[in-house]
Every structure is written in C-alpha cells, then in structure tokens.
Amino acid sequence: MRFRYTILYVADVAASLGFYQQAFGFTVKMLHESGDYGELQTGDTLLAFSSLNLMRELGKDPGNADPQRPIFELAIEAEDVQAAVEQALVAGAKLVKQPSLMPWGQTIAYVSDPNGFLLEICSPV
C-alpha cells in the first residue's frame, strides 16, 4: 500500500489548482471537464481538489477551513523558505507566521491558501 493523495474541498477547483501552480510550481495533472475535481502533481503524492458542490451532492457536509483553528496542515518543503513564502504571497496566500529557525535546525513559516487551509513552508530536515 501507499499514501496516494489528499483531497481538499474547495469552492472553485480551477482557481485552487491555479493558486498552487503559481505559488509552488506544482503541475496540473488533470481537471475534470465538470470542473468539480482536479489533481496536482507534487512529487510522489498528489494534491487533489473536489468542489464543495460535488461533496454536498454526495451527501457530505464539509466544514470551512480556518487557519487560526486548523485541524491539519499541509507541509511544503523548499530550499529557500523566505523566497517560497514571498512567491506564495504574490499568488494570493496570506501570511500566518514569518519564517523562523526551529531548535532542530529547520526553518518553518506558515501561510494560508485562498481557501483558508494552513500551509507550512519548511526547509528540509
């Protein structure tokens, strides 16, 4: 077995794909013709998006992402954390925490994507 993908529930799948493509350079693997589902190639694991409308049609009732009260975060590794944060901000992210050096030697910053999902931008460990 392997961990294959994470799906985020969003209002606008195409816009979300565009943000992550611009902010982090991920490649769009696919966007369904309905616009309700899409995937990004991020390395070994895919980052996928499904529309809130589709989830409701399937009987799910997704909550709203809140970067001040997150229930998870996505970690994106970058060699230059400061440059990655700046690129994400230009793409539409909001700064949550400036880059800082952790006691174990890793630099970590936090931003939220336009949907409110908390993103950790970190250096390799």
N, C-alpha and C. Protein backbone atom coordinates (compact mmCIF):
# COMPACT_ATOMS: atom_id res chain seq x y z
N MET A 1 0.84 -1.17 0.00
CA MET A 1 0.00 0.00 0.00
C MET A 1 0.88 1.24 0.00
N ARG A 2 0.27 2.34 -0.41
CA ARG A 2 0.97 3.62 -0.35
C ARG A 2 -0.04 4.74 -0.19
N PHE A 3 0.40 5.82 0.42
CA PHE A 3 -0.43 7.01 0.54
C PHE A 3 -0.40 7.70 -0.81
N ARG A 4 -1.55 7.87 -1.44
CA ARG A 4 -1.59 8.34 -2.83
C ARG A 4 -1.93 9.82 -2.97
N TYR A 5 -2.99 10.30 -2.26
CA TYR A 5 -3.36 11.70 -2.43
C TYR A 5 -4.17 12.21 -1.26
N THR A 6 -4.21 13.52 -1.16
CA THR A 6 -5.05 14.24 -0.22
C THR A 6 -6.02 15.06 -1.04
N ILE A 7 -7.29 15.09 -0.62
CA ILE A 7 -8.30 15.88 -1.33
C ILE A 7 -8.76 17.01 -0.42
N LEU A 8 -8.67 18.23 -0.92
CA LEU A 8 -9.19 19.40 -0.22
C LEU A 8 -10.52 19.78 -0.86
N TYR A 9 -11.49 20.12 -0.04
CA TYR A 9 -12.81 20.53 -0.53
C TYR A 9 -12.80 22.06 -0.67
N VAL A 10 -13.07 22.53 -1.87
CA VAL A 10 -12.95 23.96 -2.17
C VAL A 10 -14.14 24.43 -3.00
N ALA A 11 -14.37 25.72 -2.99
CA ALA A 11 -15.46 26.30 -3.79
C ALA A 11 -15.14 26.28 -5.28
N ASP A 12 -13.89 26.54 -5.63
CA ASP A 12 -13.50 26.67 -7.03
C ASP A 12 -12.25 25.84 -7.30
N VAL A 13 -12.43 24.68 -7.89
CA VAL A 13 -11.33 23.75 -8.13
C VAL A 13 -10.29 24.36 -9.06
N ALA A 14 -10.70 24.94 -10.17
CA ALA A 14 -9.76 25.51 -11.14
C ALA A 14 -8.93 26.62 -10.50
N ALA A 15 -9.55 27.48 -9.72
CA ALA A 15 -8.82 28.56 -9.05
C ALA A 15 -7.81 27.99 -8.05
N SER A 16 -8.18 26.94 -7.36
CA SER A 16 -7.28 26.32 -6.40
C SER A 16 -6.08 25.69 -7.10
N LEU A 17 -6.33 25.01 -8.20
CA LEU A 17 -5.23 24.46 -8.99
C LEU A 17 -4.29 25.58 -9.42
N GLY A 18 -4.87 26.68 -9.89
CA GLY A 18 -4.07 27.81 -10.35
C GLY A 18 -3.23 28.41 -9.24
N PHE A 19 -3.80 28.53 -8.04
CA PHE A 19 -3.03 29.08 -6.92
C PHE A 19 -1.82 28.22 -6.64
N TYR A 20 -2.01 26.92 -6.48
CA TYR A 20 -0.90 26.04 -6.12
C TYR A 20 0.13 25.93 -7.25
N GLN A 21 -0.34 26.05 -8.47
CA GLN A 21 0.58 26.05 -9.61
C GLN A 21 1.45 27.30 -9.56
N GLN A 22 0.83 28.46 -9.34
CA GLN A 22 1.58 29.72 -9.30
C GLN A 22 2.42 29.83 -8.03
N ALA A 23 1.87 29.45 -6.90
CA ALA A 23 2.56 29.63 -5.62
C ALA A 23 3.73 28.68 -5.45
N PHE A 24 3.60 27.44 -5.91
CA PHE A 24 4.61 26.43 -5.61
C PHE A 24 5.15 25.70 -6.83
N GLY A 25 4.65 26.03 -8.01
CA GLY A 25 5.16 25.40 -9.22
C GLY A 25 4.68 23.98 -9.45
N PHE A 26 3.62 23.56 -8.75
CA PHE A 26 3.09 22.22 -8.97
C PHE A 26 2.45 22.16 -10.36
N THR A 27 2.44 20.97 -10.93
CA THR A 27 1.90 20.76 -12.27
C THR A 27 0.49 20.21 -12.20
N VAL A 28 -0.41 20.78 -13.00
CA VAL A 28 -1.78 20.26 -13.06
C VAL A 28 -1.74 18.91 -13.78
N LYS A 29 -2.17 17.88 -13.08
CA LYS A 29 -2.23 16.54 -13.68
C LYS A 29 -3.52 16.39 -14.46
N MET A 30 -4.61 16.90 -13.87
CA MET A 30 -5.90 16.82 -14.56
C MET A 30 -6.92 17.72 -13.89
N LEU A 31 -7.87 18.16 -14.70
CA LEU A 31 -9.06 18.87 -14.24
C LEU A 31 -10.23 18.25 -14.99
N HIS A 32 -11.16 17.66 -14.25
CA HIS A 32 -12.31 17.03 -14.89
C HIS A 32 -13.11 18.07 -15.65
N GLU A 33 -13.71 17.66 -16.75
CA GLU A 33 -14.48 18.59 -17.60
C GLU A 33 -15.61 19.28 -16.84
N SER A 34 -16.11 18.66 -15.78
CA SER A 34 -17.17 19.28 -14.97
C SER A 34 -16.64 20.44 -14.13
N GLY A 35 -15.32 20.46 -13.91
CA GLY A 35 -14.71 21.46 -13.05
C GLY A 35 -14.81 21.12 -11.57
N ASP A 36 -15.38 19.97 -11.26
CA ASP A 36 -15.62 19.60 -9.86
C ASP A 36 -14.49 18.80 -9.22
N TYR A 37 -13.47 18.42 -10.00
CA TYR A 37 -12.37 17.63 -9.43
C TYR A 37 -11.11 17.88 -10.24
N GLY A 38 -10.00 18.00 -9.54
CA GLY A 38 -8.72 18.18 -10.21
C GLY A 38 -7.59 17.70 -9.33
N GLU A 39 -6.44 17.45 -9.97
CA GLU A 39 -5.27 16.95 -9.25
C GLU A 39 -4.02 17.70 -9.67
N LEU A 40 -3.09 17.82 -8.72
CA LEU A 40 -1.78 18.41 -8.97
C LEU A 40 -0.71 17.37 -8.73
N GLN A 41 0.28 17.36 -9.58
CA GLN A 41 1.45 16.51 -9.38
C GLN A 41 2.42 17.29 -8.49
N THR A 42 2.73 16.75 -7.32
CA THR A 42 3.59 17.44 -6.36
C THR A 42 4.84 16.64 -6.03
N GLY A 43 5.01 15.52 -6.66
CA GLY A 43 6.07 14.57 -6.33
C GLY A 43 5.42 13.20 -6.29
N ASP A 44 5.72 12.43 -5.26
CA ASP A 44 5.15 11.08 -5.15
C ASP A 44 3.67 11.08 -4.77
N THR A 45 3.22 12.13 -4.13
CA THR A 45 1.84 12.21 -3.65
C THR A 45 1.10 13.31 -4.39
N LEU A 46 -0.12 13.04 -4.78
CA LEU A 46 -0.95 14.03 -5.47
C LEU A 46 -1.69 14.90 -4.46
N LEU A 47 -1.92 16.14 -4.84
CA LEU A 47 -2.79 17.03 -4.09
C LEU A 47 -4.02 17.23 -4.96
N ALA A 48 -5.17 16.84 -4.45
CA ALA A 48 -6.40 16.88 -5.24
C ALA A 48 -7.39 17.85 -4.61
N PHE A 49 -8.33 18.30 -5.43
CA PHE A 49 -9.37 19.23 -5.01
C PHE A 49 -10.71 18.75 -5.53
N SER A 50 -11.71 18.82 -4.67
CA SER A 50 -13.06 18.48 -5.06
C SER A 50 -13.95 19.65 -4.67
N SER A 51 -14.92 19.95 -5.50
CA SER A 51 -15.77 21.10 -5.23
C SER A 51 -16.71 20.83 -4.06
N LEU A 52 -17.00 21.89 -3.33
CA LEU A 52 -17.96 21.79 -2.25
C LEU A 52 -19.32 21.33 -2.77
N ASN A 53 -19.70 21.80 -3.95
CA ASN A 53 -20.98 21.40 -4.54
C ASN A 53 -21.04 19.89 -4.77
N LEU A 54 -19.97 19.33 -5.32
CA LEU A 54 -19.93 17.88 -5.55
C LEU A 54 -20.02 17.13 -4.23
N MET A 55 -19.31 17.59 -3.23
CA MET A 55 -19.33 16.90 -1.94
C MET A 55 -20.74 16.92 -1.34
N ARG A 56 -21.42 18.04 -1.49
CA ARG A 56 -22.80 18.12 -0.98
C ARG A 56 -23.72 17.18 -1.76
N GLU A 57 -23.50 17.08 -3.08
CA GLU A 57 -24.29 16.15 -3.89
C GLU A 57 -24.06 14.71 -3.45
N LEU A 58 -22.86 14.43 -2.94
CA LEU A 58 -22.51 13.08 -2.49
C LEU A 58 -22.90 12.84 -1.03
N GLY A 59 -23.60 13.82 -0.44
CA GLY A 59 -24.09 13.64 0.93
C GLY A 59 -23.12 14.04 2.01
N LYS A 60 -22.03 14.71 1.67
CA LYS A 60 -21.07 15.18 2.67
C LYS A 60 -21.38 16.63 3.00
N ASP A 61 -20.99 17.05 4.18
CA ASP A 61 -21.21 18.43 4.60
C ASP A 61 -19.89 19.01 5.10
N PRO A 62 -19.00 19.38 4.16
CA PRO A 62 -17.68 19.86 4.57
C PRO A 62 -17.75 21.15 5.37
N GLY A 63 -16.86 21.25 6.35
CA GLY A 63 -16.73 22.48 7.13
C GLY A 63 -15.83 23.46 6.40
N ASN A 64 -15.67 24.64 6.99
CA ASN A 64 -14.82 25.67 6.43
C ASN A 64 -13.43 25.59 7.04
N ALA A 65 -12.41 25.75 6.20
CA ALA A 65 -11.04 25.79 6.70
C ALA A 65 -10.82 27.09 7.46
N ASP A 66 -10.06 27.01 8.54
CA ASP A 66 -9.77 28.19 9.36
C ASP A 66 -8.31 28.11 9.79
N PRO A 67 -7.43 28.96 9.23
CA PRO A 67 -6.02 28.89 9.58
C PRO A 67 -5.72 29.23 11.04
N GLN A 68 -6.65 29.88 11.72
CA GLN A 68 -6.45 30.19 13.14
C GLN A 68 -6.88 29.03 14.04
N ARG A 69 -7.68 28.11 13.48
CA ARG A 69 -8.12 26.93 14.22
C ARG A 69 -8.01 25.70 13.31
N PRO A 70 -6.81 25.42 12.81
CA PRO A 70 -6.66 24.33 11.85
C PRO A 70 -6.82 22.96 12.52
N ILE A 71 -7.27 22.02 11.72
CA ILE A 71 -7.32 20.64 12.19
C ILE A 71 -6.24 19.81 11.49
N PHE A 72 -5.54 20.42 10.53
CA PHE A 72 -4.38 19.81 9.89
C PHE A 72 -3.63 20.92 9.16
N GLU A 73 -2.44 20.58 8.68
CA GLU A 73 -1.69 21.49 7.82
C GLU A 73 -1.04 20.68 6.72
N LEU A 74 -0.81 21.33 5.61
CA LEU A 74 -0.04 20.73 4.52
C LEU A 74 1.37 21.29 4.61
N ALA A 75 2.38 20.44 4.56
CA ALA A 75 3.77 20.88 4.63
C ALA A 75 4.36 20.85 3.23
N ILE A 76 4.95 21.96 2.84
CA ILE A 76 5.58 22.10 1.54
C ILE A 76 7.04 22.43 1.78
N GLU A 77 7.92 21.54 1.33
CA GLU A 77 9.34 21.70 1.56
C GLU A 77 9.97 22.56 0.47
N ALA A 78 10.84 23.48 0.90
CA ALA A 78 11.50 24.38 -0.03
C ALA A 78 12.93 24.62 0.46
N GLU A 79 13.86 24.72 -0.47
CA GLU A 79 15.24 25.02 -0.10
C GLU A 79 15.36 26.43 0.47
N ASP A 80 14.62 27.38 -0.10
CA ASP A 80 14.64 28.77 0.35
C ASP A 80 13.24 29.13 0.85
N VAL A 81 13.05 29.02 2.14
CA VAL A 81 11.72 29.22 2.73
C VAL A 81 11.23 30.65 2.51
N GLN A 82 12.09 31.63 2.72
CA GLN A 82 11.68 33.02 2.56
C GLN A 82 11.20 33.29 1.13
N ALA A 83 11.94 32.81 0.14
CA ALA A 83 11.55 33.01 -1.26
C ALA A 83 10.24 32.29 -1.55
N ALA A 84 10.05 31.10 -0.99
CA ALA A 84 8.82 30.35 -1.21
C ALA A 84 7.62 31.08 -0.58
N VAL A 85 7.83 31.66 0.59
CA VAL A 85 6.75 32.42 1.24
C VAL A 85 6.39 33.62 0.37
N GLU A 86 7.39 34.33 -0.10
CA GLU A 86 7.13 35.51 -0.93
C GLU A 86 6.38 35.14 -2.20
N GLN A 87 6.76 34.02 -2.83
CA GLN A 87 6.08 33.56 -4.05
C GLN A 87 4.62 33.20 -3.73
N ALA A 88 4.40 32.55 -2.60
CA ALA A 88 3.03 32.17 -2.21
C ALA A 88 2.19 33.42 -1.94
N LEU A 89 2.78 34.44 -1.32
CA LEU A 89 2.04 35.67 -1.05
C LEU A 89 1.65 36.38 -2.33
N VAL A 90 2.56 36.41 -3.30
CA VAL A 90 2.25 37.01 -4.60
C VAL A 90 1.09 36.27 -5.27
N ALA A 91 1.04 34.94 -5.08
CA ALA A 91 -0.02 34.12 -5.69
C ALA A 91 -1.36 34.26 -4.98
N GLY A 92 -1.38 34.88 -3.78
CA GLY A 92 -2.65 35.07 -3.09
C GLY A 92 -2.73 34.48 -1.70
N ALA A 93 -1.65 33.90 -1.21
CA ALA A 93 -1.65 33.37 0.16
C ALA A 93 -1.64 34.52 1.16
N LYS A 94 -2.00 34.21 2.40
CA LYS A 94 -1.93 35.18 3.49
C LYS A 94 -0.90 34.70 4.50
N LEU A 95 -0.08 35.61 4.96
CA LEU A 95 0.96 35.27 5.92
C LEU A 95 0.33 34.97 7.28
N VAL A 96 0.72 33.86 7.86
CA VAL A 96 0.27 33.49 9.21
C VAL A 96 1.43 33.64 10.19
N LYS A 97 2.64 33.19 9.78
CA LYS A 97 3.82 33.29 10.66
C LYS A 97 5.06 33.40 9.79
N GLN A 98 5.85 34.42 10.07
CA GLN A 98 7.11 34.64 9.35
C GLN A 98 8.04 33.44 9.52
N PRO A 99 8.97 33.23 8.58
CA PRO A 99 9.94 32.15 8.74
C PRO A 99 10.74 32.31 10.04
N SER A 100 10.95 31.20 10.71
CA SER A 100 11.77 31.20 11.92
C SER A 100 12.52 29.88 12.01
N LEU A 101 13.69 29.95 12.63
CA LEU A 101 14.55 28.79 12.79
C LEU A 101 14.12 28.01 14.02
N MET A 102 13.87 26.72 13.85
CA MET A 102 13.46 25.85 14.94
C MET A 102 14.70 25.29 15.64
N PRO A 103 14.55 24.86 16.89
CA PRO A 103 15.69 24.33 17.64
C PRO A 103 16.37 23.14 16.96
N TRP A 104 15.66 22.40 16.13
CA TRP A 104 16.23 21.23 15.46
C TRP A 104 16.88 21.59 14.13
N GLY A 105 16.95 22.91 13.82
CA GLY A 105 17.67 23.36 12.64
C GLY A 105 16.84 23.60 11.40
N GLN A 106 15.56 23.37 11.46
CA GLN A 106 14.67 23.55 10.31
C GLN A 106 14.05 24.95 10.36
N THR A 107 13.92 25.58 9.19
CA THR A 107 13.23 26.86 9.09
C THR A 107 11.79 26.58 8.69
N ILE A 108 10.86 27.20 9.41
CA ILE A 108 9.43 26.97 9.18
C ILE A 108 8.69 28.30 9.12
N ALA A 109 7.76 28.41 8.18
CA ALA A 109 6.85 29.55 8.09
C ALA A 109 5.46 29.00 7.83
N TYR A 110 4.45 29.83 8.06
CA TYR A 110 3.08 29.43 7.80
C TYR A 110 2.36 30.49 6.98
N VAL A 111 1.60 30.01 6.00
CA VAL A 111 0.69 30.86 5.23
C VAL A 111 -0.63 30.13 5.14
N SER A 112 -1.66 30.84 4.73
CA SER A 112 -2.92 30.16 4.43
C SER A 112 -3.21 30.37 2.95
N ASP A 113 -3.78 29.35 2.32
CA ASP A 113 -4.14 29.48 0.91
C ASP A 113 -5.43 30.28 0.80
N PRO A 114 -5.86 30.64 -0.41
CA PRO A 114 -7.09 31.43 -0.55
C PRO A 114 -8.35 30.76 0.01
N ASN A 115 -8.30 29.45 0.23
CA ASN A 115 -9.43 28.73 0.80
C ASN A 115 -9.40 28.69 2.33
N GLY A 116 -8.29 29.14 2.92
CA GLY A 116 -8.14 29.13 4.36
C GLY A 116 -7.38 27.94 4.92
N PHE A 117 -6.85 27.07 4.05
CA PHE A 117 -6.08 25.92 4.53
C PHE A 117 -4.70 26.38 4.99
N LEU A 118 -4.24 25.87 6.14
CA LEU A 118 -2.95 26.22 6.69
C LEU A 118 -1.85 25.45 5.97
N LEU A 119 -0.84 26.19 5.50
CA LEU A 119 0.29 25.60 4.80
C LEU A 119 1.57 25.90 5.55
N GLU A 120 2.30 24.88 5.88
CA GLU A 120 3.64 25.04 6.45
C GLU A 120 4.61 25.04 5.29
N ILE A 121 5.47 26.04 5.22
CA ILE A 121 6.55 26.05 4.24
C ILE A 121 7.82 25.85 5.06
N CYS A 122 8.54 24.77 4.77
CA CYS A 122 9.66 24.39 5.61
C CYS A 122 10.88 24.00 4.80
N SER A 123 12.03 24.15 5.44
CA SER A 123 13.27 23.68 4.83
C SER A 123 13.39 22.19 5.08
N PRO A 124 14.25 21.51 4.30
CA PRO A 124 14.48 20.09 4.56
C PRO A 124 15.04 19.89 5.97
N VAL A 125 14.74 18.75 6.56
CA VAL A 125 15.28 18.43 7.88
C VAL A 125 16.64 17.81 7.72
